[in-house]
C-alpha atoms as a PDB file:
ATOM      1  CA  MET A   1     -90.656-104.008 227.656  1.00  0.00           C
ATOM      2  CA  GLY A   2     -88.043-102.544 225.418  1.00  0.00           C
ATOM      3  CA  GLY A   3     -84.959-102.281 227.623  1.00  0.00           C
ATOM      4  CA  PRO A   4     -83.376-104.394 230.318  1.00  0.00           C
ATOM      5  CA  ARG A   5     -85.389-105.198 233.457  1.00  0.00           C
ATOM      6  CA  LEU A   6     -83.076-105.041 236.450  1.00  0.00           C
ATOM      7  CA  VAL A   7     -83.490-105.477 240.191  1.00  0.00           C
ATOM      8  CA  LEU A   8     -80.839-104.089 242.535  1.00  0.00           C
ATOM      9  CA  LEU A   9     -80.687-105.625 246.013  1.00  0.00           C
ATOM     10  CA  GLY A  10     -78.456-104.966 249.006  1.00  0.00           C
ATOM     11  CA  ARG A  11     -78.330-103.697 252.540  1.00  0.00           C
ATOM     12  CA  PRO A  12     -79.366-100.106 253.257  1.00  0.00           C
ATOM     13  CA  GLY A  13     -76.264 -98.001 252.615  1.00  0.00           C
ATOM     14  CA  ALA A  14     -74.750-100.486 250.141  1.00  0.00           C
ATOM     15  CA  GLY A  15     -74.854 -97.888 247.372  1.00  0.00           C
ATOM     16  CA  LYS A  16     -77.962 -99.080 245.532  1.00  0.00           C
ATOM     17  CA  GLY A  17     -79.239 -95.571 244.836  1.00  0.00           C
ATOM     18  CA  THR A  18     -75.950 -94.352 243.393  1.00  0.00           C
ATOM     19  CA  GLN A  19     -75.478 -97.446 241.257  1.00  0.00           C
ATOM     20  CA  ALA A  20     -79.116 -97.488 240.107  1.00  0.00           C
ATOM     21  CA  HIS A  21     -78.684 -93.917 238.834  1.00  0.00           C
ATOM     22  CA  ARG A  22     -75.561 -94.975 236.964  1.00  0.00           C
ATOM     23  CA  LEU A  23     -77.250 -98.027 235.435  1.00  0.00           C
ATOM     24  CA  SER A  24     -80.155 -95.808 234.423  1.00  0.00           C
ATOM     25  CA  ASP A  25     -77.766 -93.492 232.587  1.00  0.00           C
ATOM     26  CA  LEU A  26     -75.733 -96.311 231.027  1.00  0.00           C
ATOM     27  CA  TYR A  27     -78.666 -98.327 229.692  1.00  0.00           C
ATOM     28  CA  GLY A  28     -81.334 -95.648 229.272  1.00  0.00           C
ATOM     29  CA  VAL A  29     -83.657 -97.427 231.704  1.00  0.00           C
ATOM     30  CA  VAL A  30     -85.927 -95.786 234.262  1.00  0.00           C
ATOM     31  CA  HIS A  31     -84.704 -95.731 237.867  1.00  0.00           C
ATOM     32  CA  VAL A  32     -87.687 -96.824 239.967  1.00  0.00           C
ATOM     33  CA  SER A  33     -86.954 -96.164 243.658  1.00  0.00           C
ATOM     34  CA  THR A  34     -89.681 -96.857 246.192  1.00  0.00           C
ATOM     35  CA  GLY A  35     -87.775 -94.848 248.779  1.00  0.00           C
ATOM     36  CA  ASP A  36     -87.628 -91.788 246.515  1.00  0.00           C
ATOM     37  CA  MET A  37     -91.328 -92.102 245.710  1.00  0.00           C
ATOM     38  CA  LEU A  38     -92.275 -92.339 249.363  1.00  0.00           C
ATOM     39  CA  ARG A  39     -89.984 -89.495 250.452  1.00  0.00           C
ATOM     40  CA  ASP A  40     -91.311 -87.204 247.706  1.00  0.00           C
ATOM     41  CA  PRO A  41     -93.061 -84.220 249.348  1.00  0.00           C
ATOM     42  CA  GLN A  42     -95.954 -84.766 246.917  1.00  0.00           C
ATOM     43  CA  SER A  43     -96.635 -88.099 248.632  1.00  0.00           C
ATOM     44  CA  THR A  44     -97.924 -86.289 251.726  1.00  0.00           C
ATOM     45  CA  ILE A  45    -100.860 -84.734 249.877  1.00  0.00           C
ATOM     46  CA  THR A  46    -103.124 -87.652 250.789  1.00  0.00           C
ATOM     47  CA  ALA A  47    -103.659 -89.118 254.256  1.00  0.00           C
ATOM     48  CA  ALA A  48    -102.274 -92.453 253.034  1.00  0.00           C
ATOM     49  CA  GLY A  49     -99.213 -90.730 251.620  1.00  0.00           C
ATOM     50  CA  SER A  50     -98.646 -88.862 254.856  1.00  0.00           C
ATOM     51  CA  ALA A  51     -98.866 -92.078 256.871  1.00  0.00           C
ATOM     52  CA  ALA A  52     -96.488 -93.792 254.446  1.00  0.00           C
ATOM     53  CA  ARG A  53     -93.979 -90.953 254.809  1.00  0.00           C
ATOM     54  CA  ALA A  54     -94.126 -91.184 258.619  1.00  0.00           C
ATOM     55  CA  ALA A  55     -93.530 -94.931 258.468  1.00  0.00           C
ATOM     56  CA  ILE A  56     -90.521 -94.523 256.185  1.00  0.00           C
ATOM     57  CA  ASP A  57     -89.046 -91.803 258.400  1.00  0.00           C
ATOM     58  CA  ALA A  58     -89.347 -94.167 261.372  1.00  0.00           C
ATOM     59  CA  GLY A  59     -87.574 -96.912 259.458  1.00  0.00           C
ATOM     60  CA  GLU A  60     -90.679 -99.076 259.257  1.00  0.00           C
ATOM     61  CA  LEU A  61     -91.863-101.127 256.306  1.00  0.00           C
ATOM     62  CA  LEU A  62     -95.175-100.464 254.609  1.00  0.00           C
ATOM     63  CA  ALA A  63     -97.772-103.158 254.038  1.00  0.00           C
ATOM     64  CA  ASP A  64     -97.009-105.245 250.961  1.00  0.00           C
ATOM     65  CA  ASP A  65    -100.251-104.302 249.199  1.00  0.00           C
ATOM     66  CA  VAL A  66     -99.470-100.578 249.482  1.00  0.00           C
ATOM     67  CA  VAL A  67     -95.975-100.960 248.030  1.00  0.00           C
ATOM     68  CA  ILE A  68     -97.109-103.389 245.324  1.00  0.00           C
ATOM     69  CA  ALA A  69     -99.806-100.957 244.193  1.00  0.00           C
ATOM     70  CA  LEU A  70     -97.305 -98.084 244.134  1.00  0.00           C
ATOM     71  CA  VAL A  71     -94.684 -99.972 242.127  1.00  0.00           C
ATOM     72  CA  GLY A  72     -97.226-101.690 239.899  1.00  0.00           C
ATOM     73  CA  GLY A  73     -98.622 -98.329 238.878  1.00  0.00           C
ATOM     74  CA  ARG A  74     -95.148 -97.026 238.060  1.00  0.00           C
ATOM     75  CA  LEU A  75     -94.150-100.103 236.035  1.00  0.00           C
ATOM     76  CA  ALA A  76     -97.292 -99.706 233.920  1.00  0.00           C
ATOM     77  CA  GLN A  77     -96.356 -96.168 232.832  1.00  0.00           C
ATOM     78  CA  ALA A  78     -95.266 -95.663 229.229  1.00  0.00           C
ATOM     79  CA  ASP A  79     -91.654 -94.610 229.877  1.00  0.00           C
ATOM     80  CA  VAL A  80     -90.961 -97.756 231.912  1.00  0.00           C
ATOM     81  CA  VAL A  81     -92.720-100.017 229.413  1.00  0.00           C
ATOM     82  CA  GLU A  82     -90.702 -98.530 226.536  1.00  0.00           C
ATOM     83  CA  ARG A  83     -87.290 -98.191 228.164  1.00  0.00           C
ATOM     84  CA  GLY A  84     -87.073-100.887 230.850  1.00  0.00           C
ATOM     85  CA  PHE A  85     -86.148-100.262 234.475  1.00  0.00           C
ATOM     86  CA  VAL A  86     -83.807-100.712 237.385  1.00  0.00           C
ATOM     87  CA  LEU A  87     -85.735-101.381 240.589  1.00  0.00           C
ATOM     88  CA  ASP A  88     -84.185 -99.967 243.760  1.00  0.00           C
ATOM     89  CA  GLY A  89     -85.880-100.905 247.050  1.00  0.00           C
ATOM     90  CA  PHE A  90     -88.367-103.380 245.593  1.00  0.00           C
ATOM     91  CA  PRO A  91     -89.089-106.192 246.147  1.00  0.00           C
ATOM     92  CA  ARG A  92     -88.358-106.237 249.879  1.00  0.00           C
ATOM     93  CA  THR A  93     -90.435-109.289 250.783  1.00  0.00           C
ATOM     94  CA  VAL A  94     -91.179-112.624 249.154  1.00  0.00           C
ATOM     95  CA  ALA A  95     -94.798-111.525 248.694  1.00  0.00           C
ATOM     96  CA  GLN A  96     -93.560-108.481 246.771  1.00  0.00           C
ATOM     97  CA  ALA A  97     -91.285-110.702 244.662  1.00  0.00           C
ATOM     98  CA  ASP A  98     -94.259-112.935 243.824  1.00  0.00           C
ATOM     99  CA  ALA A  99     -96.285-109.855 242.900  1.00  0.00           C
ATOM    100  CA  LEU A 100     -93.468-108.546 240.702  1.00  0.00           C
ATOM    101  CA  ALA A 101     -93.420-111.841 238.798  1.00  0.00           C
ATOM    102  CA  ASP A 102     -97.169-111.480 238.232  1.00  0.00           C
ATOM    103  CA  LEU A 103     -96.841-107.832 237.176  1.00  0.00           C
ATOM    104  CA  LEU A 104     -94.160-108.654 234.602  1.00  0.00           C
ATOM    105  CA  ALA A 105     -95.540-111.966 233.338  1.00  0.00           C
ATOM    106  CA  PRO A 106     -94.658-113.536 231.048  1.00  0.00           C
ATOM    107  CA  GLY A 107     -91.312-111.748 230.717  1.00  0.00           C
ATOM    108  CA  GLY A 108     -90.032-111.270 234.247  1.00  0.00           C
ATOM    109  CA  VAL A 109     -86.739-109.580 235.093  1.00  0.00           C
ATOM    110  CA  ASP A 110     -83.448-110.108 233.269  1.00  0.00           C
ATOM    111  CA  VAL A 111     -81.286-110.221 236.389  1.00  0.00           C
ATOM    112  CA  ALA A 112     -81.361-109.431 240.106  1.00  0.00           C
ATOM    113  CA  ILE A 113     -78.047-108.121 241.400  1.00  0.00           C
ATOM    114  CA  GLU A 114     -77.183-108.093 245.089  1.00  0.00           C
ATOM    115  CA  LEU A 115     -74.574-105.530 246.114  1.00  0.00           C
ATOM    116  CA  ASP A 116     -72.572-107.256 248.825  1.00  0.00           C
ATOM    117  CA  VAL A 117     -71.291-104.823 251.451  1.00  0.00           C
ATOM    118  CA  PRO A 118     -70.572-105.986 255.034  1.00  0.00           C
ATOM    119  CA  PRO A 119     -72.974-104.838 257.793  1.00  0.00           C
ATOM    120  CA  GLU A 120     -70.326-102.890 259.702  1.00  0.00           C
ATOM    121  CA  VAL A 121     -69.441-100.921 256.569  1.00  0.00           C
ATOM    122  CA  VAL A 122     -73.023 -99.969 255.709  1.00  0.00           C
ATOM    123  CA  GLN A 123     -73.741 -99.029 259.323  1.00  0.00           C
ATOM    124  CA  ALA A 124     -70.780 -96.643 259.292  1.00  0.00           C
ATOM    125  CA  ARG A 125     -71.917 -95.228 255.931  1.00  0.00           C
ATOM    126  CA  LEU A 126     -75.474 -94.642 257.116  1.00  0.00           C
ATOM    127  CA  VAL A 127     -74.457 -93.010 260.378  1.00  0.00           C
ATOM    128  CA  GLY A 128     -71.880 -90.929 258.483  1.00  0.00           C
ATOM    129  CA  ARG A 129     -74.520 -89.856 255.963  1.00  0.00           C
ATOM    130  CA  ARG A 130     -76.702 -88.654 258.822  1.00  0.00           C
ATOM    131  CA  SER A 131     -73.818 -86.757 260.466  1.00  0.00           C
ATOM    132  CA  ALA A 132     -72.753 -85.113 257.200  1.00  0.00           C
ATOM    133  CA  ALA A 133     -76.291 -83.960 256.436  1.00  0.00           C
ATOM    134  CA  GLY A 134     -76.912 -82.519 259.921  1.00  0.00           C
ATOM    135  CA  ALA A 135     -80.459 -81.499 260.697  1.00  0.00           C
ATOM    136  CA  ALA A 136     -81.421 -81.887 257.044  1.00  0.00           C
ATOM    137  CA  GLY A 137     -80.461 -85.578 257.008  1.00  0.00           C
ATOM    138  CA  ARG A 138     -82.863 -88.416 256.359  1.00  0.00           C
ATOM    139  CA  PRO A 139     -84.745 -89.375 259.537  1.00  0.00           C
ATOM    140  CA  ASP A 140     -84.304 -93.050 258.639  1.00  0.00           C
ATOM    141  CA  ASP A 141     -80.512 -92.613 258.994  1.00  0.00           C
ATOM    142  CA  ALA A 142     -80.706 -91.927 262.746  1.00  0.00           C
ATOM    143  CA  ASP A 143     -78.505 -94.326 264.764  1.00  0.00           C
ATOM    144  CA  GLU A 144     -81.288 -96.375 266.333  1.00  0.00           C
ATOM    145  CA  VAL A 145     -83.191 -96.560 263.048  1.00  0.00           C
ATOM    146  CA  VAL A 146     -80.051 -97.726 261.204  1.00  0.00           C
ATOM    147  CA  GLY A 147     -79.714-100.668 263.557  1.00  0.00           C
ATOM    148  CA  ARG A 148     -83.348-101.653 263.052  1.00  0.00           C
ATOM    149  CA  ARG A 149     -83.082-101.353 259.280  1.00  0.00           C
ATOM    150  CA  LEU A 150     -80.017-103.601 259.092  1.00  0.00           C
ATOM    151  CA  LYS A 151     -81.433-106.237 261.444  1.00  0.00           C
ATOM    152  CA  ARG A 152     -84.679-106.294 259.507  1.00  0.00           C
ATOM    153  CA  HIS A 153     -82.813-106.632 256.218  1.00  0.00           C
ATOM    154  CA  ASP A 154     -80.780-109.592 257.396  1.00  0.00           C
ATOM    155  CA  ALA A 155     -83.810-111.253 259.006  1.00  0.00           C
ATOM    156  CA  GLU A 156     -86.352-110.755 256.207  1.00  0.00           C
ATOM    157  CA  VAL A 157     -85.088-109.238 252.990  1.00  0.00           C
ATOM    158  CA  ALA A 158     -82.397-111.888 252.478  1.00  0.00           C
ATOM    159  CA  ALA A 159     -85.296-114.210 251.635  1.00  0.00           C
ATOM    160  CA  VAL A 160     -85.866-112.110 248.507  1.00  0.00           C
ATOM    161  CA  ALA A 161     -82.326-112.862 247.311  1.00  0.00           C
ATOM    162  CA  ASP A 162     -83.045-116.546 247.895  1.00  0.00           C
ATOM    163  CA  TRP A 163     -86.254-116.184 245.845  1.00  0.00           C
ATOM    164  CA  PHE A 164     -84.282-114.858 242.858  1.00  0.00           C
ATOM    165  CA  GLU A 165     -81.478-117.377 243.356  1.00  0.00           C
ATOM    166  CA  ARG A 166     -83.916-120.308 243.187  1.00  0.00           C
ATOM    167  CA  ARG A 167     -85.021-118.995 239.784  1.00  0.00           C
ATOM    168  CA  GLY A 168     -81.473-118.631 238.473  1.00  0.00           C
ATOM    169  CA  LEU A 169     -81.739-114.828 238.360  1.00  0.00           C
ATOM    170  CA  LEU A 170     -79.440-113.722 241.206  1.00  0.00           C
ATOM    171  CA  VAL A 171     -75.871-112.503 240.801  1.00  0.00           C
ATOM    172  CA  VAL A 172     -73.943-111.287 243.852  1.00  0.00           C
ATOM    173  CA  VAL A 173     -71.527-108.434 243.144  1.00  0.00           C
ATOM    174  CA  ASP A 174     -68.829-107.118 245.459  1.00  0.00           C
ATOM    175  CA  GLY A 175     -70.007-103.654 246.507  1.00  0.00           C
ATOM    176  CA  MET A 176     -66.663-102.597 248.002  1.00  0.00           C
ATOM    177  CA  GLY A 177     -64.200-100.332 246.232  1.00  0.00           C
ATOM    178  CA  SER A 178     -64.631 -97.111 244.330  1.00  0.00           C
ATOM    179  CA  THR A 179     -67.949 -96.156 242.767  1.00  0.00           C
ATOM    180  CA  ASP A 180     -66.438 -96.652 239.313  1.00  0.00           C
ATOM    181  CA  GLU A 181     -65.138-100.124 240.206  1.00  0.00           C
ATOM    182  CA  VAL A 182     -68.552-101.228 241.453  1.00  0.00           C
ATOM    183  CA  THR A 183     -70.234 -99.785 238.360  1.00  0.00           C
ATOM    184  CA  ALA A 184     -67.849-101.732 236.118  1.00  0.00           C
ATOM    185  CA  ARG A 185     -68.742-104.984 237.918  1.00  0.00           C
ATOM    186  CA  LEU A 186     -72.453-104.263 237.597  1.00  0.00           C
ATOM    187  CA  ARG A 187     -72.113-103.382 233.936  1.00  0.00           C
ATOM    188  CA  ALA A 188     -70.402-106.717 233.207  1.00  0.00           C
ATOM    189  CA  VAL A 189     -73.277-108.578 234.876  1.00  0.00           C
ATOM    190  CA  VAL A 190     -75.970-106.595 233.052  1.00  0.00           C
ATOM    191  CA  ASP A 191     -74.226-107.005 229.702  1.00  0.00           C
ATOM    192  CA  ARG A 192     -74.133-110.784 230.202  1.00  0.00           C
ATOM    193  CA  ALA A 193     -77.799-110.841 231.186  1.00  0.00           C
ATOM    194  CA  ILE A 194     -78.781-108.832 228.101  1.00  0.00           C
ATOM    195  CA  ALA A 195     -76.704-111.046 225.824  1.00  0.00           C
ATOM    196  CA  SER A 196     -78.350-114.192 227.157  1.00  0.00           C
ATOM    197  CA  SER A 197     -81.936-112.898 227.115  1.00  0.00           C
END
């Protein structure tokens, strides 16, 4: 792949989407968001897409093979191959991390960055996002769903950070502060990863 290959990790509500968009603009890479793909109205055209959308709205995870196929197809497209990517929302399990390594072999990713934001802060952000959006808000930001999402993250998805850490690819970045401050921290990490690759 031509550009940097980045993975952005963090709790729901940590600001991954915002920062992934910024990294995409800064480095010219493609923002690949599983959440955006699954919430796309076009995804409901097929029965499988409709079921996937219902699962996401309920705050549930999809089977690994479904998500791996979705992301694998996107990573194989010409724009991603030519420009590189920032992954947002994938991998979410160790099985998905293993599959990502296979998909990208022999190159792999340049760096996996975990945005560190405390659970109480992201819970307040997610509930606030739901309140601000009113009836048009994301169903997966409902109070009871927020609690499930955060518990599931801390119980399961933290293993993905461990997976990257064991391979020397993980950098934890403080996700608190202004959007610009967080972007500056991320940019420093990405620049170092590019320089050492």
